[in-house]
Amino acid sequence: MSEQDWTFTGSIKKFGSTRAKKGGHPASWGSLWLLLTLDPITSKVDGEQYIVQENKLFVSIDLDYTEDSKKGKRCKLLLASLAEGKQVIINSAKITMMKRSKKNEKGEWEPYEQRGIKCSAFSVTVCTEQQTSMNMGKVSGKVVKQFGNKLLIQDVYTIPGKGKTERKTRDVPLLIPDHLNKPLSGKYILCMASLSGKNNEGIDTVFGIVNRLYEI
C-alpha cells in the first residue's frame, strides 16, 4: 500500500503557459507552471535548527485547450483567473519527476528530468485575497532507502491504458526531524509532512519534512 497527497496554499509570484504544436498548428494540449511562495518551515535535524526561510515551489499543470470539454473549460477559467489572483489553494498534488529542458553551451535545448510538484487543473482554486496558510501532506509506503535523516518512500501508482493498466513507481523524498529518526529501511510507514521547495542552504529541491510518523 502506498499513497501521497499534498494540500497547500501559496502566494503567486509568477506563472506562464505553453501550448504544444502538432503538424505546425496549435495542439489541444499544453502546460501551465506556477511559481509559489509558501510559509517558512522550521525543524531540527542533526542536532541543529533546520530552517527553510524562502520556501518556493514550482507547480506543473497539464492543460486542455479543447473548448467544449469539461477539462478544457476548467483550464480556460483557470488561465483567466490567474491574472487577478494573489494566492492559490491546491487540494491534491503529487511529488513526481517532470520533463524539463535547458539550453546547453551551444545554445541548443537539452531535455532533462527534475523532481517537482504536479496536479490537475481541477485541484487549483485561485483567490483574489490572502487565505489562511496551509501546508500538509500524507505519505505512506515502503522505505526503499535511508541516509541518516533522509528517506526515500516508494509510491506505487497506475496509468490507465487501452486494454490494460500500467503499474509504475516513483520515489518521494522525506526529511525526518531528530526526535522521529530511527532505522526504517525496508519498513512501511505512514507520515504527515510539510512541503519544501528548497533546502536550508537555499538549493532548489522538492521534498517533505515529516511532522508525524507511524510504522504500519
Protein backbone atom coordinates (compact mmCIF):
# COMPACT_ATOMS: atom_id res chain seq x y z
CA MET A 1 0.00 0.00 0.00
CA SER A 2 1.34 3.43 -0.94
CA GLU A 3 -0.08 6.89 -1.25
CA GLN A 4 0.94 10.53 -1.38
CA ASP A 5 -1.32 13.57 -1.35
CA TRP A 6 -0.37 17.20 -0.67
CA THR A 7 -2.61 20.18 0.13
CA PHE A 8 -1.21 23.69 0.44
CA THR A 9 -1.65 27.39 -0.21
CA GLY A 10 0.89 29.55 -1.99
CA SER A 11 1.26 33.20 -2.96
CA ILE A 12 1.58 33.62 -6.73
CA LYS A 13 4.95 35.05 -7.74
CA LYS A 14 4.97 34.13 -11.43
CA PHE A 15 3.06 31.94 -13.85
CA GLY A 16 3.18 31.02 -17.53
CA SER A 17 1.71 28.60 -20.04
CA THR A 18 2.81 26.88 -23.22
CA ARG A 19 0.75 25.26 -25.94
CA ALA A 20 2.12 22.32 -27.88
CA LYS A 21 2.15 22.17 -31.67
CA LYS A 22 1.07 19.33 -33.95
CA GLY A 23 1.85 19.44 -37.65
CA GLY A 24 2.79 23.10 -37.36
CA HIS A 25 -0.57 24.01 -35.80
CA PRO A 26 -1.60 24.61 -32.16
CA ALA A 27 -2.38 21.32 -30.44
CA SER A 28 -5.20 20.69 -27.98
CA TRP A 29 -2.79 20.21 -25.07
CA GLY A 30 -0.16 22.23 -23.25
CA SER A 31 1.11 23.02 -19.75
CA LEU A 32 0.87 25.69 -17.08
CA TRP A 33 3.55 26.44 -14.49
CA LEU A 34 3.19 28.35 -11.23
CA LEU A 35 5.94 29.75 -9.01
CA LEU A 36 4.53 29.91 -5.48
CA THR A 37 5.84 31.12 -2.14
CA LEU A 38 4.83 29.08 0.91
CA ASP A 39 5.33 29.84 4.60
CA PRO A 40 8.81 29.17 6.06
CA ILE A 41 9.44 25.77 7.71
CA THR A 42 11.44 25.10 10.88
CA SER A 43 12.59 21.71 12.14
CA LYS A 44 15.54 20.17 13.99
CA VAL A 45 17.91 17.90 12.04
CA ASP A 46 21.30 16.51 13.10
CA GLY A 47 21.13 18.47 16.33
CA GLU A 48 20.70 21.84 14.63
CA GLN A 49 17.81 24.08 13.66
CA TYR A 50 16.75 23.37 10.07
CA ILE A 51 15.09 26.47 8.62
CA VAL A 52 13.71 26.90 5.10
CA GLN A 53 13.07 30.63 5.05
CA GLU A 54 12.45 31.17 1.32
CA ASN A 55 10.10 28.28 0.62
CA LYS A 56 9.32 28.44 -3.11
CA LEU A 57 7.70 25.75 -5.26
CA PHE A 58 7.22 25.24 -8.99
CA VAL A 59 3.92 23.52 -9.77
CA SER A 60 3.13 21.97 -13.18
CA ILE A 61 -0.42 21.52 -14.52
CA ASP A 62 -1.44 19.80 -17.77
CA LEU A 63 -3.71 21.99 -19.90
CA ASP A 64 -6.50 21.05 -22.28
CA TYR A 65 -7.39 23.62 -24.97
CA THR A 66 -10.46 21.70 -26.19
CA GLU A 67 -13.14 24.37 -25.70
CA ASP A 68 -16.17 22.08 -25.47
CA SER A 69 -14.71 19.60 -22.95
CA LYS A 70 -15.14 19.82 -19.19
CA LYS A 71 -11.39 19.94 -18.62
CA GLY A 72 -10.92 22.49 -21.42
CA LYS A 73 -13.48 24.83 -19.85
CA ARG A 74 -11.81 24.43 -16.45
CA CYS A 75 -8.37 25.22 -17.90
CA LYS A 76 -9.69 28.30 -19.70
CA LEU A 77 -11.23 29.60 -16.47
CA LEU A 78 -8.02 28.88 -14.54
CA LEU A 79 -5.84 30.79 -17.02
CA ALA A 80 -8.20 33.78 -16.98
CA SER A 81 -8.42 33.93 -13.16
CA LEU A 82 -4.64 33.83 -12.58
CA ALA A 83 -4.22 37.38 -13.90
CA GLU A 84 -6.21 38.73 -10.93
CA GLY A 85 -5.13 36.13 -8.38
CA LYS A 86 -2.90 36.65 -5.37
CA GLN A 87 -2.89 33.14 -3.95
CA VAL A 88 -3.84 29.59 -4.91
CA ILE A 89 -5.20 26.70 -2.88
CA ILE A 90 -4.08 23.32 -4.21
CA ASN A 91 -6.06 20.50 -2.65
CA SER A 92 -4.35 17.47 -4.19
CA ALA A 93 -0.83 17.29 -5.65
CA LYS A 94 2.00 14.79 -6.12
CA ILE A 95 5.79 14.86 -5.94
CA THR A 96 6.99 13.36 -9.21
CA MET A 97 9.71 13.54 -11.86
CA MET A 98 8.95 16.04 -14.63
CA LYS A 99 10.47 16.57 -18.04
CA ARG A 100 12.24 19.92 -18.43
CA SER A 101 14.69 21.40 -20.92
CA LYS A 102 17.53 23.92 -20.83
CA LYS A 103 20.00 25.42 -23.27
CA ASN A 104 23.49 23.96 -23.43
CA GLU A 105 26.72 25.80 -24.25
CA LYS A 106 25.88 25.60 -27.96
CA GLY A 107 22.52 27.28 -27.41
CA GLU A 108 20.63 24.05 -28.10
CA TRP A 109 17.77 22.82 -25.94
CA GLU A 110 18.55 19.65 -23.98
CA PRO A 111 15.89 17.59 -22.17
CA TYR A 112 16.34 16.53 -18.55
CA GLU A 113 14.23 15.34 -15.63
CA GLN A 114 13.69 17.19 -12.37
CA ARG A 115 11.61 16.36 -9.31
CA GLY A 116 8.68 18.74 -8.89
CA ILE A 117 5.01 19.15 -7.99
CA LYS A 118 2.19 18.20 -10.34
CA CYS A 119 -1.57 18.50 -10.01
CA SER A 120 -4.79 18.67 -12.02
CA ALA A 121 -6.45 21.90 -13.12
CA PHE A 122 -9.46 20.78 -11.05
CA SER A 123 -7.26 20.83 -7.91
CA VAL A 124 -6.45 24.55 -8.14
CA THR A 125 -8.52 27.37 -6.65
CA VAL A 126 -7.38 30.94 -7.39
CA CYS A 127 -8.00 33.52 -4.64
CA THR A 128 -8.04 37.30 -5.03
CA GLU A 129 -7.40 37.74 -1.29
CA GLN A 130 -4.93 36.05 1.04
CA GLN A 131 -6.33 32.98 2.79
CA THR A 132 -5.18 31.14 5.90
CA SER A 133 -1.92 29.34 5.09
CA MET A 134 -1.87 25.54 4.74
CA ASN A 135 0.95 23.12 4.04
CA MET A 136 0.25 19.48 4.78
CA GLY A 137 0.57 16.10 3.16
CA LYS A 138 0.14 12.40 3.78
CA VAL A 139 2.68 9.87 2.50
CA SER A 140 2.62 6.11 3.00
CA GLY A 141 4.69 3.33 1.51
CA LYS A 142 7.88 1.31 1.79
CA VAL A 143 11.14 2.99 2.79
CA VAL A 144 13.47 1.94 -0.04
CA LYS A 145 16.48 3.98 1.13
CA GLN A 146 17.58 5.77 4.28
CA PHE A 147 20.56 8.11 4.63
CA GLY A 148 20.59 9.38 8.21
CA ASN A 149 17.63 11.76 8.43
CA LYS A 150 16.73 11.37 4.74
CA LEU A 151 14.26 8.79 3.39
CA LEU A 152 13.01 7.70 0.00
CA ILE A 153 9.47 6.27 0.03
CA GLN A 154 8.28 4.17 -2.90
CA ASP A 155 4.96 5.42 -4.25
CA VAL A 156 3.17 2.86 -6.46
CA TYR A 157 0.65 4.26 -8.92
CA THR A 158 -1.19 3.18 -12.05
CA ILE A 159 -1.71 4.72 -15.50
CA PRO A 160 -4.88 3.68 -17.36
CA GLY A 161 -4.25 2.39 -20.89
CA LYS A 162 -6.06 0.75 -23.76
CA GLY A 163 -6.94 -2.74 -22.59
CA LYS A 164 -4.61 -2.69 -19.59
CA THR A 165 -3.43 -0.61 -16.65
CA GLU A 166 0.27 0.15 -16.37
CA ARG A 167 1.83 -0.03 -12.89
CA LYS A 168 4.69 2.36 -12.10
CA THR A 169 6.70 3.55 -9.10
CA ARG A 170 8.26 6.87 -8.09
CA ASP A 171 10.38 7.92 -5.12
CA VAL A 172 9.12 10.50 -2.62
CA PRO A 173 11.96 12.16 -0.66
CA LEU A 174 11.38 12.96 3.02
CA LEU A 175 13.42 14.58 5.78
CA ILE A 176 12.89 13.33 9.34
CA PRO A 177 13.48 15.56 12.39
CA ASP A 178 15.76 14.21 15.10
CA HIS A 179 13.02 13.22 17.56
CA LEU A 180 11.40 10.88 14.96
CA ASN A 181 14.57 9.47 13.40
CA LYS A 182 15.24 5.72 13.73
CA PRO A 183 16.17 2.80 11.44
CA LEU A 184 13.33 2.48 8.92
CA SER A 185 14.84 0.99 5.77
CA GLY A 186 12.62 -1.75 4.32
CA LYS A 187 9.69 -0.88 6.60
CA TYR A 188 6.28 0.50 5.66
CA ILE A 189 5.41 3.85 7.18
CA LEU A 190 2.65 6.45 7.23
CA CYS A 191 3.62 10.04 7.86
CA MET A 192 2.24 13.57 7.87
CA ALA A 193 4.59 16.15 6.38
CA SER A 194 5.01 19.69 5.00
CA LEU A 195 6.24 20.52 1.50
CA SER A 196 9.50 22.32 0.87
CA GLY A 197 10.85 23.59 -2.45
CA LYS A 198 14.33 24.46 -1.15
CA ASN A 199 16.68 23.04 1.46
CA ASN A 200 18.16 25.05 4.32
CA GLU A 201 21.08 26.06 2.05
CA GLY A 202 18.74 27.64 -0.50
CA ILE A 203 19.20 24.92 -3.14
CA ASP A 204 16.12 24.05 -5.23
CA THR A 205 14.94 20.57 -4.30
CA VAL A 206 11.43 19.27 -3.59
CA PHE A 207 10.81 17.09 -0.54
CA GLY A 208 8.58 16.68 2.51
CA ILE A 209 9.57 17.49 6.08
CA VAL A 210 7.95 14.95 8.38
CA ASN A 211 5.80 16.11 11.32
CA ARG A 212 4.38 12.76 12.42
CA LEU A 213 5.46 9.21 11.63
CA TYR A 214 3.91 5.77 12.18
CA GLU A 215 5.09 2.28 11.28
CA ILE A 216 2.33 0.27 9.57
